[in-house]
Each structure stands twice: as structure tokens, then as C-alpha cells.
Amino acid sequence: MEPIKLDVNGALYVSAEKLEGPCVIVVSDGKAKMKLLQAFGTVEVIVQDNKVSRINNKESIVF
């Protein structure tokens, strides 16, 4: 996951050059990160004590 810049007011700045396709932006505990999505698959966000602890990606194959 790539960190995203936050300014002193908490505004997010995402570079359009990094957006090569669909993505997910996760904000937790004053930090923001971006993850590009795979063509096929699922994304699972694991939360513990109201904070994101990890993000799991599972790629799937279409037959």
C-alpha cells in the first residue's frame, strides 16, 4: 500500500499519475493509504479496536 499525503488540515492529496485503475483508499488513525485493485479478486479490511490492522488481497481466476 502506498501512503497518501495529508496536509495540516487533514486534506488528502492523491496524484492522478498513480491512479492506473480502480483503487481503495483507507483512512485510519490519522493515516491514509491507497491500494490499487487487481483485475479479479476480493479485498478484505481487518479492523481491531476501531483501527485498521491489515488489508488482505485474494486474487481469483475466472474460468
N, C-alpha and C. Protein backbone atom coordinates (compact mmCIF):
# COMPACT_ATOMS: atom_id res chain seq x y z
N MET A 1 0.84 -1.17 0.00
CA MET A 1 0.00 0.00 0.00
C MET A 1 0.89 1.24 0.00
N GLU A 2 0.44 2.22 -0.72
CA GLU A 2 1.19 3.46 -0.83
C GLU A 2 0.61 4.51 0.11
N PRO A 3 1.48 5.19 0.88
CA PRO A 3 0.96 6.27 1.73
C PRO A 3 0.46 7.44 0.89
N ILE A 4 -0.52 8.15 1.41
CA ILE A 4 -1.08 9.32 0.75
C ILE A 4 -0.77 10.53 1.62
N LYS A 5 -0.44 11.64 0.99
CA LYS A 5 -0.08 12.85 1.74
C LYS A 5 -1.33 13.48 2.35
N LEU A 6 -1.20 13.86 3.61
CA LEU A 6 -2.23 14.61 4.33
C LEU A 6 -1.63 15.96 4.70
N ASP A 7 -2.38 17.05 4.50
CA ASP A 7 -1.86 18.35 4.93
C ASP A 7 -2.26 18.59 6.39
N VAL A 8 -1.89 19.74 6.93
CA VAL A 8 -2.15 20.04 8.34
C VAL A 8 -3.63 20.10 8.66
N ASN A 9 -4.47 20.35 7.65
CA ASN A 9 -5.91 20.38 7.85
C ASN A 9 -6.56 19.02 7.66
N GLY A 10 -5.77 18.01 7.31
CA GLY A 10 -6.30 16.66 7.11
C GLY A 10 -6.81 16.39 5.71
N ALA A 11 -6.54 17.28 4.75
CA ALA A 11 -6.98 17.06 3.37
C ALA A 11 -6.08 16.03 2.69
N LEU A 12 -6.69 15.16 1.87
CA LEU A 12 -5.95 14.13 1.14
C LEU A 12 -5.49 14.65 -0.20
N TYR A 13 -4.29 14.27 -0.59
CA TYR A 13 -3.76 14.62 -1.91
C TYR A 13 -3.37 13.33 -2.62
N VAL A 14 -4.08 13.00 -3.71
CA VAL A 14 -3.81 11.79 -4.48
C VAL A 14 -3.32 12.21 -5.85
N SER A 15 -2.16 11.72 -6.24
CA SER A 15 -1.61 12.04 -7.56
C SER A 15 -2.38 11.27 -8.63
N ALA A 16 -2.87 11.97 -9.62
CA ALA A 16 -3.62 11.32 -10.71
C ALA A 16 -2.74 10.35 -11.48
N GLU A 17 -1.42 10.55 -11.46
CA GLU A 17 -0.50 9.66 -12.15
C GLU A 17 -0.47 8.28 -11.51
N LYS A 18 -0.73 8.19 -10.21
CA LYS A 18 -0.72 6.91 -9.51
C LYS A 18 -2.00 6.12 -9.73
N LEU A 19 -3.04 6.76 -10.22
CA LEU A 19 -4.33 6.09 -10.42
C LEU A 19 -4.35 5.41 -11.78
N GLU A 20 -3.74 4.24 -11.84
CA GLU A 20 -3.67 3.47 -13.08
C GLU A 20 -4.93 2.66 -13.32
N GLY A 21 -5.78 2.60 -12.34
CA GLY A 21 -7.02 1.83 -12.43
C GLY A 21 -7.81 2.05 -11.15
N PRO A 22 -8.79 1.19 -10.90
CA PRO A 22 -9.58 1.34 -9.68
C PRO A 22 -8.71 1.11 -8.44
N CYS A 23 -9.03 1.83 -7.38
CA CYS A 23 -8.25 1.71 -6.15
C CYS A 23 -9.15 1.87 -4.93
N VAL A 24 -8.57 1.54 -3.79
CA VAL A 24 -9.24 1.70 -2.50
C VAL A 24 -8.35 2.62 -1.66
N ILE A 25 -8.96 3.61 -1.02
CA ILE A 25 -8.23 4.48 -0.10
C ILE A 25 -8.76 4.18 1.30
N VAL A 26 -7.84 3.85 2.21
CA VAL A 26 -8.19 3.51 3.58
C VAL A 26 -7.63 4.58 4.50
N VAL A 27 -8.50 5.13 5.35
CA VAL A 27 -8.08 6.14 6.32
C VAL A 27 -8.30 5.55 7.71
N SER A 28 -7.23 5.55 8.53
CA SER A 28 -7.34 5.02 9.88
C SER A 28 -6.26 5.65 10.75
N ASP A 29 -6.65 6.07 11.93
CA ASP A 29 -5.71 6.56 12.93
C ASP A 29 -4.84 7.71 12.41
N GLY A 30 -5.44 8.62 11.64
CA GLY A 30 -4.72 9.78 11.13
C GLY A 30 -3.81 9.51 9.96
N LYS A 31 -3.85 8.30 9.40
CA LYS A 31 -3.04 7.94 8.24
C LYS A 31 -3.95 7.50 7.12
N ALA A 32 -3.50 7.71 5.89
CA ALA A 32 -4.26 7.28 4.72
C ALA A 32 -3.32 6.52 3.78
N LYS A 33 -3.81 5.41 3.23
CA LYS A 33 -3.04 4.63 2.27
C LYS A 33 -3.93 4.23 1.11
N MET A 34 -3.29 4.02 -0.05
CA MET A 34 -4.02 3.67 -1.26
C MET A 34 -3.52 2.32 -1.77
N LYS A 35 -4.46 1.48 -2.23
CA LYS A 35 -4.13 0.18 -2.79
C LYS A 35 -4.83 0.03 -4.12
N LEU A 36 -4.06 -0.23 -5.19
CA LEU A 36 -4.67 -0.50 -6.49
C LEU A 36 -5.33 -1.87 -6.45
N LEU A 37 -6.49 -1.98 -7.07
CA LEU A 37 -7.22 -3.25 -7.08
C LEU A 37 -6.76 -4.13 -8.22
N GLN A 38 -6.81 -5.44 -7.98
CA GLN A 38 -6.47 -6.41 -9.02
C GLN A 38 -7.65 -6.53 -9.98
N ALA A 39 -7.37 -7.10 -11.15
CA ALA A 39 -8.42 -7.24 -12.17
C ALA A 39 -9.57 -8.12 -11.66
N PHE A 40 -9.24 -9.20 -10.96
CA PHE A 40 -10.23 -10.10 -10.39
C PHE A 40 -9.79 -10.44 -8.97
N GLY A 41 -10.70 -10.38 -8.04
CA GLY A 41 -10.35 -10.75 -6.68
C GLY A 41 -11.20 -10.03 -5.65
N THR A 42 -10.80 -10.22 -4.39
CA THR A 42 -11.50 -9.59 -3.28
C THR A 42 -10.49 -8.86 -2.40
N VAL A 43 -10.97 -7.84 -1.71
CA VAL A 43 -10.17 -7.10 -0.75
C VAL A 43 -10.89 -7.19 0.59
N GLU A 44 -10.16 -7.56 1.62
CA GLU A 44 -10.73 -7.71 2.96
C GLU A 44 -9.99 -6.77 3.91
N VAL A 45 -10.72 -5.91 4.60
CA VAL A 45 -10.13 -4.97 5.56
C VAL A 45 -10.35 -5.52 6.96
N ILE A 46 -9.26 -5.73 7.70
CA ILE A 46 -9.33 -6.26 9.05
C ILE A 46 -9.20 -5.10 10.04
N VAL A 47 -10.20 -4.97 10.92
CA VAL A 47 -10.24 -3.88 11.90
C VAL A 47 -10.15 -4.47 13.30
N GLN A 48 -9.32 -3.83 14.14
CA GLN A 48 -9.19 -4.26 15.53
C GLN A 48 -9.14 -3.01 16.40
N ASP A 49 -9.99 -2.92 17.40
CA ASP A 49 -10.07 -1.75 18.30
C ASP A 49 -10.28 -0.45 17.53
N ASN A 50 -11.18 -0.47 16.56
CA ASN A 50 -11.52 0.69 15.73
C ASN A 50 -10.35 1.23 14.92
N LYS A 51 -9.36 0.40 14.63
CA LYS A 51 -8.22 0.77 13.79
C LYS A 51 -8.01 -0.33 12.76
N VAL A 52 -7.64 0.07 11.55
CA VAL A 52 -7.35 -0.92 10.51
C VAL A 52 -6.02 -1.57 10.85
N SER A 53 -6.03 -2.90 10.98
CA SER A 53 -4.79 -3.60 11.31
C SER A 53 -4.11 -4.15 10.06
N ARG A 54 -4.90 -4.59 9.07
CA ARG A 54 -4.30 -5.07 7.82
C ARG A 54 -5.36 -5.17 6.73
N ILE A 55 -4.87 -5.29 5.50
CA ILE A 55 -5.73 -5.45 4.34
C ILE A 55 -5.25 -6.67 3.57
N ASN A 56 -6.16 -7.61 3.33
CA ASN A 56 -5.82 -8.83 2.61
C ASN A 56 -6.37 -8.76 1.19
N ASN A 57 -5.55 -9.17 0.23
CA ASN A 57 -5.98 -9.27 -1.17
C ASN A 57 -6.02 -10.73 -1.55
N LYS A 58 -7.10 -11.14 -2.17
CA LYS A 58 -7.22 -12.51 -2.67
C LYS A 58 -7.55 -12.44 -4.14
N GLU A 59 -6.62 -12.92 -4.96
CA GLU A 59 -6.84 -12.90 -6.40
C GLU A 59 -7.66 -14.12 -6.79
N SER A 60 -8.60 -13.93 -7.68
CA SER A 60 -9.40 -15.05 -8.17
C SER A 60 -9.21 -15.18 -9.67
N ILE A 61 -9.52 -16.34 -10.17
CA ILE A 61 -9.37 -16.64 -11.59
C ILE A 61 -10.74 -16.97 -12.16
N VAL A 62 -11.08 -16.37 -13.29
CA VAL A 62 -12.34 -16.65 -13.96
C VAL A 62 -12.10 -17.77 -14.97
N PHE A 63 -12.92 -18.83 -14.89
CA PHE A 63 -12.78 -19.95 -15.84
C PHE A 63 -13.74 -19.79 -16.98
